[in-house]
Amino acid sequence: DDKTLLSASSDGTVRVWNTENYQSPAEKILPHPSFIYTAKYHPFVQYLVVTGGYDSIIRVWDINVNEANGQLLQELDGHKSFINVLCFDAEGLRMFSGDNSGLIIIWSTFVNQSSQETLVQQWNIAENIMQNDLKGVPINHLEVHPNGRRLLIHARDSTLRVMDLRVFAAKKYTGATNYREQLYSTFTPCGTFLFSGSEDGICYVWNSETGDQVAMYSDLNYMSAVRDVAFHPHEHMVAFCAFGPNQPILVFVYDQKVAQIEAETMKEVCKANLKSGSTSTPKGPKIFSSTFDSSTFDSSTI
């Protein structure tokens, strides 16, 4: 309901903040014995919070209680390395967790709301996924495709993967660089495109269906890696950020007239380049015309 915000911290706490009063202290402080790297709300039962971090344990909390520290409901074992990411599918029936060794676990997360005592007791491991080329590779980010049948896997080997959850086969997307830092990627809300940050300060875009790279934002002017990219769930807006001093959050808003002008400019530049053998391109997002369909971009909130 957007009324509260979760933060995970190296001080061993997850805090619940009131978004309507940023000056107030945290409403809840969930204590942990080690660094916490990820925290998520259950998508439907929003008083349930899951957390993961350095001690390799997933904890499930009820924050709809009077206690300032919430109520710890369940501890889930399965990982042997620290947990970098947690996410749910849209229905909240499956949770996905990824750790620093390359292991991904799919959890069955049915919530029994008829009984507070057995609320999450049916949560268990449904599948362990350890692909050979991911062994020893940290998992940075996981995200379920809007259609619910595919899983985005952002690993620290400069390769993004989208796995078909029915057969556990993965398509690979290359171009972005990520060997050292905790970077993130995301699907557009319609699921047609995949955006990823990169250690070279560029944001890369692929068609998630074909795997073709279709664009790159090379003029963000960040002095460090593009750490994260996020789409507004309803408006035609995308935001980028980088870590470090004086690194602004950049928000791009889709404008159909500007997009048409840029597309026409790109076509003219490409024609001129073919004649002259030049490789110059105009400033702004670089669209690869061989795979670019302006009508698709228009409907996909780019």
Protein backbone atom coordinates (compact mmCIF):
# COMPACT_ATOMS: atom_id res chain seq x y z
CA ASP A 1 0.00 0.00 0.00
CA ASP A 2 3.12 2.24 -0.19
CA LYS A 3 2.64 3.43 3.38
CA THR A 4 5.84 1.90 4.74
CA LEU A 5 9.38 1.37 3.49
CA LEU A 6 11.90 -1.36 4.35
CA SER A 7 15.64 -0.79 4.77
CA ALA A 8 18.27 -3.49 5.31
CA SER A 9 21.53 -2.51 6.99
CA SER A 10 25.01 -3.67 7.94
CA ASP A 11 24.11 -2.72 11.53
CA GLY A 12 22.15 -5.99 11.70
CA THR A 13 18.69 -4.44 11.52
CA VAL A 14 15.82 -4.19 9.09
CA ARG A 15 13.76 -1.08 9.75
CA VAL A 16 10.18 -0.26 8.80
CA TRP A 17 9.66 3.43 8.01
CA ASN A 18 6.48 5.48 7.62
CA THR A 19 6.60 7.04 4.15
CA GLU A 20 4.09 9.73 5.12
CA ASN A 21 6.33 11.11 7.87
CA TYR A 22 10.02 10.91 6.99
CA GLN A 23 11.04 12.75 10.16
CA SER A 24 9.64 10.08 12.48
CA PRO A 25 11.80 7.22 13.80
CA ALA A 26 11.39 3.71 12.43
CA GLU A 27 8.07 2.08 13.30
CA LYS A 28 9.70 -1.34 13.70
CA ILE A 29 13.30 -2.49 14.12
CA LEU A 30 13.86 -6.18 13.29
CA PRO A 31 17.09 -7.36 14.98
CA HIS A 32 19.53 -9.82 13.40
CA PRO A 33 22.87 -11.29 14.53
CA SER A 34 24.76 -10.23 11.36
CA PHE A 35 24.78 -7.97 8.31
CA ILE A 36 21.50 -7.91 6.37
CA TYR A 37 21.62 -7.52 2.60
CA THR A 38 18.00 -7.91 1.50
CA ALA A 39 14.45 -7.48 2.82
CA LYS A 40 11.10 -7.87 1.06
CA TYR A 41 7.41 -7.61 1.83
CA HIS A 42 5.15 -10.50 0.92
CA PRO A 43 3.16 -9.17 -2.09
CA PHE A 44 -0.28 -9.90 -0.63
CA VAL A 45 0.15 -10.45 3.10
CA GLN A 46 2.04 -7.22 3.54
CA TYR A 47 2.57 -7.53 7.27
CA LEU A 48 4.93 -10.42 6.49
CA VAL A 49 8.57 -9.44 5.88
CA VAL A 50 11.37 -11.76 4.78
CA THR A 51 15.06 -10.95 5.36
CA GLY A 52 18.40 -12.46 4.39
CA GLY A 53 22.08 -11.71 4.86
CA TYR A 54 25.49 -12.76 6.04
CA ASP A 55 24.47 -15.71 8.25
CA SER A 56 22.75 -17.55 5.33
CA ILE A 57 19.39 -17.75 7.11
CA ILE A 58 16.09 -16.44 5.72
CA ARG A 59 13.85 -15.05 8.46
CA VAL A 60 10.12 -14.44 8.23
CA TRP A 61 8.67 -11.68 10.42
CA ASP A 62 5.22 -10.42 11.36
CA ILE A 63 5.31 -6.63 11.70
CA ASN A 64 1.59 -6.30 12.46
CA VAL A 65 2.21 -6.66 16.19
CA ASN A 66 2.63 -4.25 19.08
CA GLU A 67 6.23 -5.23 19.77
CA ALA A 68 8.78 -2.70 18.44
CA ASN A 69 10.96 -5.58 17.22
CA GLY A 70 8.19 -7.41 15.38
CA GLN A 71 7.59 -11.14 15.79
CA LEU A 72 9.97 -13.71 14.31
CA LEU A 73 7.80 -16.46 12.82
CA GLN A 74 10.21 -18.75 10.99
CA GLU A 75 13.86 -19.32 10.12
CA LEU A 76 14.55 -21.04 6.80
CA ASP A 77 17.79 -22.98 6.18
CA GLY A 78 19.09 -24.04 2.79
CA HIS A 79 21.86 -21.64 1.84
CA LYS A 80 25.51 -22.17 2.79
CA SER A 81 26.72 -18.74 1.67
CA PHE A 82 25.41 -15.28 2.45
CA ILE A 83 22.12 -14.30 0.85
CA ASN A 84 22.20 -11.36 -1.54
CA VAL A 85 18.66 -11.25 -2.87
CA LEU A 86 15.07 -12.33 -2.19
CA CYS A 87 12.00 -11.90 -4.40
CA PHE A 88 8.46 -13.24 -4.73
CA ASP A 89 6.30 -14.04 -7.71
CA ALA A 90 3.23 -11.84 -8.19
CA GLU A 91 0.91 -14.25 -6.36
CA GLY A 92 3.24 -14.70 -3.39
CA LEU A 93 3.14 -18.50 -3.78
CA ARG A 94 6.85 -18.77 -4.61
CA MET A 95 9.89 -17.02 -3.22
CA PHE A 96 13.31 -16.99 -4.86
CA SER A 97 16.59 -16.53 -2.99
CA GLY A 98 20.11 -16.17 -4.38
CA ASP A 99 23.43 -16.35 -2.56
CA ASN A 100 27.12 -15.63 -3.03
CA SER A 101 27.97 -19.18 -4.19
CA GLY A 102 25.61 -19.09 -7.19
CA LEU A 103 22.85 -21.16 -5.57
CA ILE A 104 19.24 -20.16 -6.23
CA ILE A 105 16.46 -21.71 -4.13
CA ILE A 106 12.77 -21.70 -5.04
CA TRP A 107 10.56 -21.81 -1.94
CA SER A 108 6.88 -22.71 -1.67
CA THR A 109 5.43 -19.82 0.32
CA PHE A 110 1.73 -20.49 0.83
CA VAL A 111 0.37 -18.35 3.67
CA ASN A 112 -2.26 -19.97 5.88
CA GLN A 113 -4.14 -16.85 6.99
CA SER A 114 -6.77 -18.90 8.81
CA SER A 115 -4.31 -19.68 11.61
CA GLN A 116 -1.76 -17.30 13.13
CA GLU A 117 0.09 -20.25 14.66
CA THR A 118 0.66 -21.96 11.29
CA LEU A 119 0.84 -18.80 9.16
CA VAL A 120 4.10 -19.72 7.40
CA GLN A 121 4.79 -23.21 8.67
CA GLN A 122 4.16 -24.71 5.23
CA TRP A 123 7.02 -22.74 3.68
CA ASN A 124 9.62 -25.16 2.31
CA ILE A 125 12.17 -25.71 -0.45
CA ALA A 126 10.58 -26.55 -3.79
CA GLU A 127 13.74 -26.58 -5.93
CA ASN A 128 17.49 -26.01 -5.66
CA ILE A 129 19.04 -24.51 -8.80
CA MET A 130 22.82 -24.64 -9.24
CA GLN A 131 23.86 -24.34 -12.86
CA ASN A 132 27.42 -25.39 -13.68
CA ASP A 133 28.36 -21.99 -15.08
CA LEU A 134 27.09 -20.26 -11.94
CA LYS A 135 29.06 -22.26 -9.39
CA GLY A 136 31.01 -19.81 -7.25
CA VAL A 137 29.47 -16.77 -8.97
CA PRO A 138 27.59 -14.34 -6.67
CA ILE A 139 23.94 -13.73 -7.52
CA ASN A 140 23.28 -9.99 -7.48
CA HIS A 141 19.61 -9.84 -8.34
CA LEU A 142 16.57 -11.99 -9.09
CA GLU A 143 13.28 -10.84 -10.59
CA VAL A 144 10.23 -12.71 -11.87
CA HIS A 145 9.07 -11.77 -15.37
CA PRO A 146 5.59 -10.19 -15.45
CA ASN A 147 4.21 -13.35 -17.09
CA GLY A 148 5.33 -15.38 -14.06
CA ARG A 149 7.04 -18.07 -16.14
CA ARG A 150 10.60 -16.73 -16.31
CA LEU A 151 13.21 -15.60 -13.81
CA LEU A 152 15.82 -12.89 -14.37
CA ILE A 153 19.18 -13.92 -12.88
CA HIS A 154 21.77 -11.16 -12.63
CA ALA A 155 25.09 -12.78 -11.68
CA ARG A 156 28.52 -11.26 -11.19
CA ASP A 157 30.03 -12.78 -14.35
CA SER A 158 28.95 -10.06 -16.81
CA THR A 159 26.12 -12.28 -18.03
CA LEU A 160 22.41 -11.87 -17.44
CA ARG A 161 20.21 -14.93 -17.72
CA VAL A 162 16.46 -15.34 -18.10
CA MET A 163 15.42 -18.82 -16.99
CA ASP A 164 12.27 -20.58 -18.09
CA LEU A 165 10.88 -21.84 -14.78
CA ARG A 166 9.05 -24.71 -16.48
CA VAL A 167 12.19 -26.43 -17.83
CA PHE A 168 15.00 -24.49 -16.02
CA ALA A 169 16.70 -23.56 -19.30
CA ALA A 170 18.28 -20.11 -19.47
CA LYS A 171 18.82 -17.58 -22.28
CA LYS A 172 21.94 -15.42 -21.86
CA TYR A 173 22.34 -11.68 -22.43
CA THR A 174 25.82 -10.19 -22.76
CA GLY A 175 27.25 -6.70 -23.25
CA ALA A 176 27.13 -5.19 -19.77
CA THR A 177 30.20 -5.51 -17.53
CA ASN A 178 29.79 -6.76 -13.95
CA TYR A 179 32.57 -8.67 -12.21
CA ARG A 180 33.07 -6.74 -8.96
CA GLU A 181 30.11 -4.67 -7.79
CA GLN A 182 26.56 -5.25 -6.61
CA LEU A 183 24.65 -4.09 -9.70
CA TYR A 184 21.02 -4.58 -10.65
CA SER A 185 18.81 -5.06 -13.67
CA THR A 186 15.08 -5.12 -14.36
CA PHE A 187 12.34 -5.96 -16.83
CA THR A 188 10.14 -3.21 -18.20
CA PRO A 189 6.63 -3.45 -16.69
CA CYS A 190 5.35 -5.15 -19.86
CA GLY A 191 8.26 -7.61 -19.84
CA THR A 192 9.37 -6.87 -23.41
CA PHE A 193 12.72 -5.31 -22.56
CA LEU A 194 15.51 -5.91 -20.08
CA PHE A 195 17.60 -3.02 -18.68
CA SER A 196 20.89 -3.48 -16.80
CA GLY A 197 23.46 -1.31 -15.12
CA SER A 198 27.14 -1.83 -15.92
CA GLU A 199 30.55 -1.11 -14.45
CA ASP A 200 31.45 0.96 -17.55
CA GLY A 201 28.85 3.61 -16.62
CA ILE A 202 26.43 2.60 -19.40
CA CYS A 203 22.92 1.14 -19.17
CA TYR A 204 22.27 -1.68 -21.66
CA VAL A 205 18.91 -2.71 -23.09
CA TRP A 206 17.91 -6.06 -24.65
CA ASN A 207 14.77 -7.47 -26.14
CA SER A 208 13.92 -10.06 -23.49
CA GLU A 209 12.24 -12.34 -26.03
CA THR A 210 15.03 -12.54 -28.62
CA GLY A 211 18.10 -11.70 -26.54
CA ASP A 212 19.13 -8.99 -29.02
CA GLN A 213 20.74 -5.86 -27.60
CA VAL A 214 18.52 -3.00 -28.82
CA ALA A 215 19.81 0.14 -27.10
CA MET A 216 22.35 1.60 -24.71
CA TYR A 217 22.33 4.75 -22.57
CA SER A 218 25.94 5.84 -22.99
CA ASP A 219 25.62 9.54 -22.09
CA LEU A 220 24.56 9.25 -18.45
CA ASN A 221 27.90 10.87 -17.49
CA TYR A 222 28.34 8.80 -14.35
CA MET A 223 31.91 8.55 -13.06
CA SER A 224 31.26 5.07 -11.67
CA ALA A 225 29.11 2.03 -12.40
CA VAL A 226 25.40 2.34 -13.09
CA ARG A 227 24.22 0.61 -9.93
CA ASP A 228 20.50 0.35 -10.48
CA VAL A 229 17.70 1.02 -12.93
CA ALA A 230 14.00 1.15 -12.03
CA PHE A 231 10.77 1.67 -13.95
CA HIS A 232 7.73 3.48 -12.67
CA PRO A 233 4.98 0.84 -12.47
CA HIS A 234 2.36 3.03 -14.21
CA GLU A 235 4.01 6.06 -15.85
CA HIS A 236 6.42 6.17 -18.80
CA MET A 237 9.45 6.86 -16.61
CA VAL A 238 12.77 5.13 -15.91
CA ALA A 239 15.39 6.10 -13.32
CA PHE A 240 19.14 5.39 -13.13
CA CYS A 241 21.57 5.78 -10.24
CA ALA A 242 25.26 5.38 -9.45
CA PHE A 243 27.16 5.14 -6.17
CA GLY A 244 29.44 7.95 -5.04
CA PRO A 245 29.49 11.67 -4.26
CA ASN A 246 27.73 14.03 -6.66
CA GLN A 247 26.15 11.18 -8.63
CA PRO A 248 22.54 12.28 -9.28
CA ILE A 249 19.53 10.04 -9.80
CA LEU A 250 18.58 10.54 -13.45
CA VAL A 251 14.92 10.21 -14.45
CA PHE A 252 13.99 9.81 -18.13
CA VAL A 253 10.41 10.49 -19.24
CA TYR A 254 9.12 9.10 -22.53
CA ASP A 255 8.08 11.76 -25.03
CA GLN A 256 6.71 10.38 -28.29
CA LYS A 257 7.62 13.49 -30.32
CA VAL A 258 11.21 13.48 -29.06
CA ALA A 259 11.46 9.73 -29.67
CA GLN A 260 10.30 10.13 -33.27
CA ILE A 261 12.80 12.93 -33.86
CA GLU A 262 15.62 10.83 -32.35
CA ALA A 263 14.63 7.82 -34.44
CA GLU A 264 14.64 9.90 -37.62
CA THR A 265 17.99 11.44 -36.64
CA MET A 266 19.44 7.97 -36.03
CA LYS A 267 18.23 6.79 -39.44
CA GLU A 268 19.88 9.77 -41.14
CA VAL A 269 23.12 9.25 -39.23
CA CYS A 270 23.15 5.55 -40.11
CA LYS A 271 22.62 6.38 -43.79
CA ALA A 272 25.40 8.95 -43.70
CA ASN A 273 27.72 6.52 -41.92
CA LEU A 274 27.12 3.86 -44.53
CA LYS A 275 28.14 6.28 -47.25
CA SER A 276 31.18 7.72 -45.47
CA GLY A 277 32.31 4.74 -43.38
CA SER A 278 32.07 6.89 -40.23
CA THR A 279 30.92 5.53 -36.86
CA SER A 280 29.69 8.79 -35.28
CA THR A 281 26.38 8.79 -33.43
CA PRO A 282 24.22 11.53 -31.91
CA LYS A 283 24.09 12.05 -28.17
CA GLY A 284 21.39 10.38 -26.07
CA PRO A 285 20.27 6.75 -25.87
CA LYS A 286 21.81 4.77 -28.72
CA ILE A 287 19.17 2.76 -30.56
CA PHE A 288 20.36 -0.15 -32.69
CA SER A 289 18.18 0.39 -35.75
CA SER A 290 18.50 -3.18 -37.02
CA THR A 291 16.42 -4.46 -34.11
CA PHE A 292 14.54 -1.32 -33.09
CA ASP A 293 10.78 -1.09 -33.57
CA SER A 294 9.51 2.33 -32.48
CA SER A 295 5.95 1.03 -32.05
CA THR A 296 7.20 -1.63 -29.64
CA PHE A 297 9.18 0.90 -27.65
CA ASP A 298 6.16 3.20 -27.56
CA SER A 299 4.01 0.52 -25.92
CA SER A 300 6.76 -0.59 -23.59
CA THR A 301 7.25 2.63 -21.61
CA ILE A 302 10.78 3.27 -22.89
